[in-house]
Amino acid sequence: MDTVTYPHKDVQALIREHFVPVQFNVLEHPEVKRQFNSGWTPTIIVQDAEGREHRRSYGYLDPRRFVAEMALAWLMDAIDRQDWPPAKARADEARRLTAGDLAREPEALYWSAVATYMTSADQTGLRDGWELLMQRFPDSDWSKKAEFIRHLRR
């Protein structure tokens, strides 16, 4: 990732705007693997300033998938803090940055619907967002998590 992903201009811009990167060489500092409960490299862990983990990813990510993963991490930070207006804005950005990523776009749609609902208290936004998710990604795990919405009254 040091030669392809991290130097990429989109990765650099996203990190500069939203994150403070810290990188450890686990061969030189094996205690870090225990400290962060990480048995594989690369492992990307996104924490807030208080050390609360919001996302973890294992294995190589090319620049596009890295940006999508970090967009979801930034979104999850706001969701975990229940800071709903920023979560809604971050969900919109996550949807844009995960578009076409079959592993991450369904998750962005799921959380976008949640953020829409939590900012408006209108179940229509949740229902419509999850219906879109189930329509576009019917076999995804995220659709399966949302399908109970079909059993609720309109």
N, C-alpha and C. Protein backbone atom coordinates (compact mmCIF):
# COMPACT_ATOMS: atom_id res chain seq x y z
N MET A 1 0.83 -1.18 0.00
CA MET A 1 0.00 0.00 0.00
C MET A 1 0.88 1.26 0.00
N ASP A 2 2.10 1.10 0.50
CA ASP A 2 3.01 2.25 0.54
C ASP A 2 3.38 2.74 -0.85
N THR A 3 3.41 1.84 -1.83
CA THR A 3 3.85 2.25 -3.16
C THR A 3 2.71 2.63 -4.09
N VAL A 4 1.52 2.09 -3.88
CA VAL A 4 0.39 2.35 -4.79
C VAL A 4 -0.71 3.18 -4.12
N THR A 5 -1.18 2.74 -2.99
CA THR A 5 -2.37 3.34 -2.39
C THR A 5 -2.09 4.67 -1.69
N TYR A 6 -1.20 4.67 -0.73
CA TYR A 6 -0.98 5.88 0.06
C TYR A 6 -0.50 7.08 -0.75
N PRO A 7 0.32 6.91 -1.77
CA PRO A 7 0.75 8.08 -2.54
C PRO A 7 -0.32 8.64 -3.49
N HIS A 8 -1.39 7.90 -3.72
CA HIS A 8 -2.43 8.34 -4.67
C HIS A 8 -3.04 9.66 -4.23
N LYS A 9 -3.27 10.56 -5.18
CA LYS A 9 -3.75 11.91 -4.86
C LYS A 9 -5.10 11.91 -4.14
N ASP A 10 -6.01 11.03 -4.52
CA ASP A 10 -7.32 10.99 -3.84
C ASP A 10 -7.19 10.50 -2.40
N VAL A 11 -6.33 9.53 -2.19
CA VAL A 11 -6.07 9.02 -0.85
C VAL A 11 -5.44 10.11 0.00
N GLN A 12 -4.43 10.77 -0.55
CA GLN A 12 -3.76 11.85 0.16
C GLN A 12 -4.73 12.96 0.54
N ALA A 13 -5.60 13.35 -0.38
CA ALA A 13 -6.56 14.43 -0.10
C ALA A 13 -7.53 14.03 1.00
N LEU A 14 -8.05 12.82 0.95
CA LEU A 14 -9.01 12.37 1.96
C LEU A 14 -8.35 12.30 3.34
N ILE A 15 -7.16 11.75 3.41
CA ILE A 15 -6.46 11.66 4.68
C ILE A 15 -6.18 13.05 5.23
N ARG A 16 -5.68 13.92 4.39
CA ARG A 16 -5.35 15.28 4.82
C ARG A 16 -6.58 16.01 5.36
N GLU A 17 -7.73 15.79 4.73
CA GLU A 17 -8.94 16.51 5.12
C GLU A 17 -9.62 15.95 6.37
N HIS A 18 -9.55 14.62 6.60
CA HIS A 18 -10.38 14.03 7.64
C HIS A 18 -9.66 13.18 8.69
N PHE A 19 -8.39 12.86 8.49
CA PHE A 19 -7.74 11.89 9.36
C PHE A 19 -6.35 12.36 9.78
N VAL A 20 -5.85 11.74 10.84
CA VAL A 20 -4.46 11.91 11.27
C VAL A 20 -3.83 10.53 11.17
N PRO A 21 -3.02 10.29 10.13
CA PRO A 21 -2.49 8.94 9.93
C PRO A 21 -1.35 8.62 10.88
N VAL A 22 -1.34 7.38 11.35
CA VAL A 22 -0.25 6.85 12.15
C VAL A 22 0.04 5.47 11.59
N GLN A 23 1.30 5.20 11.31
CA GLN A 23 1.67 3.92 10.73
C GLN A 23 2.75 3.28 11.60
N PHE A 24 2.58 1.97 11.84
CA PHE A 24 3.55 1.22 12.63
C PHE A 24 4.15 0.11 11.78
N ASN A 25 5.42 -0.11 11.94
CA ASN A 25 6.08 -1.26 11.36
C ASN A 25 6.07 -2.35 12.42
N VAL A 26 5.25 -3.36 12.22
CA VAL A 26 5.09 -4.39 13.25
C VAL A 26 6.29 -5.32 13.34
N LEU A 27 7.16 -5.30 12.34
CA LEU A 27 8.40 -6.08 12.47
C LEU A 27 9.35 -5.39 13.43
N GLU A 28 9.36 -4.08 13.41
CA GLU A 28 10.21 -3.32 14.32
C GLU A 28 9.57 -3.13 15.69
N HIS A 29 8.22 -3.13 15.73
CA HIS A 29 7.48 -2.91 16.97
C HIS A 29 6.38 -3.97 17.11
N PRO A 30 6.75 -5.22 17.41
CA PRO A 30 5.75 -6.29 17.48
C PRO A 30 4.71 -6.09 18.57
N GLU A 31 5.01 -5.28 19.58
CA GLU A 31 4.04 -5.03 20.65
C GLU A 31 2.78 -4.33 20.12
N VAL A 32 2.90 -3.65 18.99
CA VAL A 32 1.76 -2.94 18.40
C VAL A 32 0.67 -3.93 17.97
N LYS A 33 1.08 -5.10 17.49
CA LYS A 33 0.10 -6.11 17.09
C LYS A 33 -0.79 -6.49 18.27
N ARG A 34 -0.19 -6.64 19.44
CA ARG A 34 -0.97 -6.97 20.64
C ARG A 34 -1.81 -5.77 21.09
N GLN A 35 -1.20 -4.61 21.09
CA GLN A 35 -1.89 -3.41 21.56
C GLN A 35 -3.17 -3.14 20.78
N PHE A 36 -3.12 -3.37 19.47
CA PHE A 36 -4.28 -3.08 18.62
C PHE A 36 -5.02 -4.34 18.18
N ASN A 37 -4.66 -5.47 18.79
CA ASN A 37 -5.32 -6.74 18.48
C ASN A 37 -5.33 -6.98 16.97
N SER A 38 -4.17 -6.89 16.39
CA SER A 38 -4.04 -7.01 14.94
C SER A 38 -3.03 -8.09 14.61
N GLY A 39 -3.50 -9.18 14.03
CA GLY A 39 -2.62 -10.27 13.70
C GLY A 39 -2.24 -10.34 12.24
N TRP A 40 -2.66 -9.36 11.46
CA TRP A 40 -2.40 -9.41 10.02
C TRP A 40 -2.07 -8.02 9.51
N THR A 41 -1.22 -7.97 8.50
CA THR A 41 -0.92 -6.68 7.88
C THR A 41 -1.24 -6.74 6.40
N PRO A 42 -1.67 -5.67 5.81
CA PRO A 42 -1.97 -4.44 6.52
C PRO A 42 -3.31 -4.52 7.24
N THR A 43 -3.38 -3.87 8.37
CA THR A 43 -4.62 -3.67 9.09
C THR A 43 -4.81 -2.16 9.23
N ILE A 44 -5.96 -1.69 8.85
CA ILE A 44 -6.28 -0.27 8.99
C ILE A 44 -7.32 -0.15 10.09
N ILE A 45 -6.99 0.62 11.11
CA ILE A 45 -7.88 0.83 12.23
C ILE A 45 -8.16 2.33 12.31
N VAL A 46 -9.43 2.68 12.32
CA VAL A 46 -9.80 4.10 12.43
C VAL A 46 -10.38 4.32 13.82
N GLN A 47 -9.70 5.19 14.56
CA GLN A 47 -10.12 5.54 15.92
C GLN A 47 -10.32 7.05 16.00
N ASP A 48 -11.11 7.45 17.00
CA ASP A 48 -11.24 8.89 17.24
C ASP A 48 -10.17 9.33 18.24
N ALA A 49 -10.20 10.60 18.60
CA ALA A 49 -9.18 11.17 19.49
C ALA A 49 -9.18 10.51 20.87
N GLU A 50 -10.31 9.92 21.27
CA GLU A 50 -10.39 9.25 22.57
C GLU A 50 -10.01 7.77 22.48
N GLY A 51 -9.63 7.31 21.30
CA GLY A 51 -9.21 5.93 21.14
C GLY A 51 -10.34 4.95 20.86
N ARG A 52 -11.55 5.44 20.62
CA ARG A 52 -12.67 4.55 20.28
C ARG A 52 -12.54 4.14 18.81
N GLU A 53 -12.61 2.86 18.58
CA GLU A 53 -12.50 2.33 17.22
C GLU A 53 -13.84 2.46 16.49
N HIS A 54 -13.77 2.95 15.25
CA HIS A 54 -14.97 3.11 14.43
C HIS A 54 -14.98 2.21 13.20
N ARG A 55 -13.81 1.72 12.82
CA ARG A 55 -13.75 0.84 11.66
C ARG A 55 -12.40 0.13 11.63
N ARG A 56 -12.42 -1.08 11.06
CA ARG A 56 -11.22 -1.90 10.93
C ARG A 56 -11.29 -2.61 9.59
N SER A 57 -10.17 -2.63 8.91
CA SER A 57 -10.09 -3.29 7.60
C SER A 57 -8.80 -4.09 7.53
N TYR A 58 -8.88 -5.29 6.98
CA TYR A 58 -7.71 -6.15 6.85
C TYR A 58 -7.38 -6.33 5.37
N GLY A 59 -6.10 -6.36 5.07
CA GLY A 59 -5.64 -6.68 3.73
C GLY A 59 -5.47 -5.46 2.85
N TYR A 60 -4.87 -5.71 1.72
CA TYR A 60 -4.56 -4.66 0.76
C TYR A 60 -5.82 -4.01 0.20
N LEU A 61 -5.79 -2.71 0.08
CA LEU A 61 -6.86 -1.95 -0.58
C LEU A 61 -6.23 -1.06 -1.65
N ASP A 62 -6.73 -1.17 -2.86
CA ASP A 62 -6.26 -0.25 -3.89
C ASP A 62 -6.80 1.14 -3.57
N PRO A 63 -6.34 2.19 -4.25
CA PRO A 63 -6.77 3.55 -3.89
C PRO A 63 -8.28 3.74 -3.87
N ARG A 64 -8.99 3.22 -4.84
CA ARG A 64 -10.45 3.43 -4.89
C ARG A 64 -11.14 2.76 -3.70
N ARG A 65 -10.77 1.54 -3.40
CA ARG A 65 -11.38 0.84 -2.27
C ARG A 65 -10.95 1.45 -0.94
N PHE A 66 -9.71 1.94 -0.87
CA PHE A 66 -9.25 2.60 0.34
C PHE A 66 -10.09 3.85 0.61
N VAL A 67 -10.31 4.67 -0.41
CA VAL A 67 -11.12 5.88 -0.25
C VAL A 67 -12.53 5.52 0.18
N ALA A 68 -13.11 4.49 -0.41
CA ALA A 68 -14.45 4.05 -0.03
C ALA A 68 -14.48 3.59 1.43
N GLU A 69 -13.48 2.84 1.82
CA GLU A 69 -13.39 2.34 3.20
C GLU A 69 -13.26 3.50 4.19
N MET A 70 -12.45 4.47 3.86
CA MET A 70 -12.26 5.62 4.75
C MET A 70 -13.51 6.50 4.80
N ALA A 71 -14.25 6.58 3.69
CA ALA A 71 -15.51 7.32 3.71
C ALA A 71 -16.48 6.67 4.68
N LEU A 72 -16.52 5.35 4.69
CA LEU A 72 -17.39 4.65 5.65
C LEU A 72 -16.89 4.83 7.08
N ALA A 73 -15.59 4.86 7.28
CA ALA A 73 -15.04 5.09 8.62
C ALA A 73 -15.43 6.46 9.13
N TRP A 74 -15.32 7.46 8.28
CA TRP A 74 -15.68 8.84 8.65
C TRP A 74 -17.17 8.92 8.98
N LEU A 75 -17.99 8.23 8.21
CA LEU A 75 -19.43 8.16 8.47
C LEU A 75 -19.70 7.47 9.81
N MET A 76 -19.04 6.34 10.06
CA MET A 76 -19.29 5.60 11.29
C MET A 76 -18.88 6.38 12.53
N ASP A 77 -17.88 7.23 12.40
CA ASP A 77 -17.51 8.08 13.52
C ASP A 77 -18.71 8.93 13.96
N ALA A 78 -19.38 9.56 13.01
CA ALA A 78 -20.55 10.40 13.34
C ALA A 78 -21.72 9.55 13.84
N ILE A 79 -21.94 8.40 13.23
CA ILE A 79 -23.05 7.53 13.66
C ILE A 79 -22.79 7.02 15.08
N ASP A 80 -21.58 6.57 15.36
CA ASP A 80 -21.27 6.06 16.69
C ASP A 80 -21.44 7.14 17.76
N ARG A 81 -21.19 8.38 17.41
CA ARG A 81 -21.36 9.49 18.35
C ARG A 81 -22.80 10.01 18.34
N GLN A 82 -23.64 9.45 17.48
CA GLN A 82 -25.04 9.87 17.30
C GLN A 82 -25.13 11.36 16.99
N ASP A 83 -24.21 11.81 16.17
CA ASP A 83 -24.16 13.19 15.70
C ASP A 83 -24.80 13.19 14.32
N TRP A 84 -26.13 13.28 14.29
CA TRP A 84 -26.90 12.95 13.09
C TRP A 84 -26.78 13.93 11.93
N PRO A 85 -26.81 15.24 12.11
CA PRO A 85 -26.64 16.10 10.93
C PRO A 85 -25.31 15.86 10.20
N PRO A 86 -24.18 15.81 10.91
CA PRO A 86 -22.94 15.45 10.19
C PRO A 86 -23.00 14.04 9.60
N ALA A 87 -23.66 13.12 10.28
CA ALA A 87 -23.76 11.76 9.75
C ALA A 87 -24.50 11.77 8.41
N LYS A 88 -25.54 12.57 8.31
CA LYS A 88 -26.29 12.65 7.04
C LYS A 88 -25.39 13.18 5.93
N ALA A 89 -24.64 14.25 6.19
CA ALA A 89 -23.74 14.80 5.18
C ALA A 89 -22.64 13.79 4.82
N ARG A 90 -22.12 13.12 5.84
CA ARG A 90 -21.07 12.13 5.58
C ARG A 90 -21.63 10.92 4.83
N ALA A 91 -22.88 10.57 5.08
CA ALA A 91 -23.52 9.47 4.36
C ALA A 91 -23.63 9.80 2.88
N ASP A 92 -23.98 11.04 2.58
CA ASP A 92 -24.06 11.45 1.18
C ASP A 92 -22.70 11.31 0.51
N GLU A 93 -21.65 11.72 1.21
CA GLU A 93 -20.29 11.60 0.68
C GLU A 93 -19.88 10.13 0.56
N ALA A 94 -20.23 9.33 1.53
CA ALA A 94 -19.90 7.90 1.48
C ALA A 94 -20.61 7.23 0.31
N ARG A 95 -21.84 7.61 0.05
CA ARG A 95 -22.56 7.04 -1.10
C ARG A 95 -21.84 7.39 -2.39
N ARG A 96 -21.37 8.62 -2.49
CA ARG A 96 -20.66 9.05 -3.69
C ARG A 96 -19.34 8.27 -3.84
N LEU A 97 -18.62 8.12 -2.75
CA LEU A 97 -17.29 7.51 -2.81
C LEU A 97 -17.32 5.98 -2.85
N THR A 98 -18.44 5.37 -2.51
CA THR A 98 -18.55 3.91 -2.59
C THR A 98 -19.28 3.44 -3.84
N ALA A 99 -19.78 4.35 -4.65
CA ALA A 99 -20.54 3.99 -5.85
C ALA A 99 -19.74 3.02 -6.72
N GLY A 100 -20.36 1.91 -7.03
CA GLY A 100 -19.72 0.89 -7.85
C GLY A 100 -18.89 -0.12 -7.08
N ASP A 101 -18.72 0.07 -5.80
CA ASP A 101 -17.96 -0.85 -4.95
C ASP A 101 -18.97 -1.82 -4.33
N LEU A 102 -19.04 -3.01 -4.88
CA LEU A 102 -20.07 -3.97 -4.45
C LEU A 102 -19.94 -4.39 -3.00
N ALA A 103 -18.76 -4.26 -2.43
CA ALA A 103 -18.57 -4.62 -1.03
C ALA A 103 -18.97 -3.49 -0.08
N ARG A 104 -18.90 -2.24 -0.53
CA ARG A 104 -19.10 -1.10 0.36
C ARG A 104 -20.32 -0.25 0.04
N GLU A 105 -20.74 -0.21 -1.19
CA GLU A 105 -21.90 0.61 -1.54
C GLU A 105 -23.17 0.20 -0.80
N PRO A 106 -23.47 -1.09 -0.66
CA PRO A 106 -24.68 -1.46 0.09
C PRO A 106 -24.64 -0.95 1.54
N GLU A 107 -23.48 -1.01 2.16
CA GLU A 107 -23.36 -0.51 3.53
C GLU A 107 -23.60 0.99 3.59
N ALA A 108 -23.07 1.71 2.62
CA ALA A 108 -23.28 3.16 2.57
C ALA A 108 -24.77 3.48 2.41
N LEU A 109 -25.48 2.72 1.58
CA LEU A 109 -26.92 2.92 1.42
C LEU A 109 -27.67 2.64 2.72
N TYR A 110 -27.28 1.59 3.40
CA TYR A 110 -27.92 1.23 4.67
C TYR A 110 -27.80 2.38 5.67
N TRP A 111 -26.56 2.83 5.90
CA TRP A 111 -26.33 3.87 6.91
C TRP A 111 -26.87 5.22 6.46
N SER A 112 -26.91 5.46 5.16
CA SER A 112 -27.50 6.70 4.66
C SER A 112 -28.98 6.78 5.02
N ALA A 113 -29.68 5.67 4.88
CA ALA A 113 -31.10 5.64 5.26
C ALA A 113 -31.27 5.86 6.76
N VAL A 114 -30.39 5.28 7.55
CA VAL A 114 -30.45 5.48 9.00
C VAL A 114 -30.23 6.95 9.34
N ALA A 115 -29.22 7.55 8.75
CA ALA A 115 -28.92 8.96 9.02
C ALA A 115 -30.06 9.86 8.57
N THR A 116 -30.67 9.54 7.44
CA THR A 116 -31.82 10.31 6.97
C THR A 116 -32.96 10.24 7.98
N TYR A 117 -33.25 9.04 8.44
CA TYR A 117 -34.31 8.85 9.44
C TYR A 117 -33.99 9.60 10.74
N MET A 118 -32.77 9.48 11.20
CA MET A 118 -32.42 10.08 12.49
C MET A 118 -32.38 11.60 12.44
N THR A 119 -32.17 12.18 11.29
CA THR A 119 -32.18 13.64 11.19
C THR A 119 -33.59 14.19 10.99
N SER A 120 -34.52 13.34 10.54
CA SER A 120 -35.86 13.84 10.25
C SER A 120 -36.95 13.25 11.15
N ALA A 121 -36.66 12.11 11.78
CA ALA A 121 -37.65 11.35 12.57
C ALA A 121 -38.82 10.90 11.71
N ASP A 122 -38.62 10.85 10.40
CA ASP A 122 -39.65 10.40 9.46
C ASP A 122 -39.25 9.03 8.94
N GLN A 123 -40.05 8.03 9.25
CA GLN A 123 -39.74 6.66 8.84
C GLN A 123 -39.71 6.49 7.34
N THR A 124 -40.30 7.41 6.61
CA THR A 124 -40.33 7.30 5.15
C THR A 124 -38.91 7.28 4.59
N GLY A 125 -38.03 8.12 5.11
CA GLY A 125 -36.66 8.15 4.63
C GLY A 125 -35.93 6.84 4.87
N LEU A 126 -36.18 6.22 6.02
CA LEU A 126 -35.58 4.93 6.33
C LEU A 126 -36.13 3.87 5.39
N ARG A 127 -37.43 3.83 5.28
CA ARG A 127 -38.09 2.82 4.44
C ARG A 127 -37.65 2.96 2.98
N ASP A 128 -37.68 4.19 2.46
CA ASP A 128 -37.31 4.41 1.06
C ASP A 128 -35.85 4.06 0.80
N GLY A 129 -34.99 4.45 1.73
CA GLY A 129 -33.58 4.15 1.57
C GLY A 129 -33.30 2.66 1.60
N TRP A 130 -33.95 1.96 2.52
CA TRP A 130 -33.73 0.53 2.59
C TRP A 130 -34.39 -0.21 1.43
N GLU A 131 -35.51 0.31 0.94
CA GLU A 131 -36.12 -0.28 -0.26
C GLU A 131 -35.18 -0.16 -1.45
N LEU A 132 -34.55 1.00 -1.59
CA LEU A 132 -33.56 1.20 -2.66
C LEU A 132 -32.41 0.22 -2.49
N LEU A 133 -31.92 0.07 -1.28
CA LEU A 133 -30.85 -0.88 -0.99
C LEU A 133 -31.26 -2.29 -1.41
N MET A 134 -32.44 -2.72 -1.00
CA MET A 134 -32.88 -4.08 -1.31
C MET A 134 -33.13 -4.27 -2.80
N GLN A 135 -33.53 -3.21 -3.46
CA GLN A 135 -33.75 -3.28 -4.91
C GLN A 135 -32.42 -3.40 -5.66
N ARG A 136 -31.44 -2.61 -5.28
CA ARG A 136 -30.17 -2.57 -6.00
C ARG A 136 -29.21 -3.68 -5.60
N PHE A 137 -29.28 -4.12 -4.34
CA PHE A 137 -28.35 -5.14 -3.83
C PHE A 137 -29.12 -6.21 -3.05
N PRO A 138 -30.01 -6.92 -3.71
CA PRO A 138 -30.91 -7.84 -2.99
C PRO A 138 -30.20 -8.96 -2.24
N ASP A 139 -29.02 -9.35 -2.68
CA ASP A 139 -28.33 -10.47 -2.04
C ASP A 139 -27.29 -10.04 -1.02
N SER A 140 -27.17 -8.74 -0.79
CA SER A 140 -26.15 -8.27 0.15
C SER A 140 -26.57 -8.53 1.59
N ASP A 141 -25.58 -8.65 2.46
CA ASP A 141 -25.87 -8.79 3.88
C ASP A 141 -26.62 -7.57 4.41
N TRP A 142 -26.31 -6.39 3.86
CA TRP A 142 -26.96 -5.17 4.31
C TRP A 142 -28.44 -5.17 3.95
N SER A 143 -28.80 -5.74 2.80
CA SER A 143 -30.22 -5.86 2.44
C SER A 143 -30.93 -6.81 3.40
N LYS A 144 -30.25 -7.88 3.75
CA LYS A 144 -30.86 -8.84 4.68
C LYS A 144 -31.09 -8.21 6.05
N LYS A 145 -30.21 -7.29 6.46
CA LYS A 145 -30.39 -6.60 7.74
C LYS A 145 -31.57 -5.64 7.69
N ALA A 146 -31.90 -5.17 6.51
CA ALA A 146 -32.95 -4.16 6.37
C ALA A 146 -34.30 -4.74 5.97
N GLU A 147 -34.36 -6.00 5.58
CA GLU A 147 -35.59 -6.52 4.99
C GLU A 147 -36.78 -6.56 5.95
N PHE A 148 -36.53 -6.50 7.24
CA PHE A 148 -37.66 -6.48 8.18
C PHE A 148 -38.54 -5.26 7.96
N ILE A 149 -37.99 -4.23 7.35
CA ILE A 149 -38.76 -2.99 7.12
C ILE A 149 -40.00 -3.28 6.25
N ARG A 150 -39.93 -4.31 5.44
CA ARG A 150 -41.07 -4.66 4.58
C ARG A 150 -42.27 -5.15 5.39
N HIS A 151 -42.04 -5.55 6.62
CA HIS A 151 -43.11 -6.08 7.46
C HIS A 151 -43.77 -4.98 8.30
N LEU A 152 -43.22 -3.80 8.26
CA LEU A 152 -43.80 -2.68 9.01
C LEU A 152 -44.91 -2.02 8.19
N ARG A 153 -45.87 -1.48 8.86
CA ARG A 153 -46.97 -0.80 8.16
C ARG A 153 -46.49 0.50 7.53
N ARG A 154 -47.07 0.81 6.42
CA ARG A 154 -46.78 2.08 5.73
C ARG A 154 -47.60 3.17 6.31
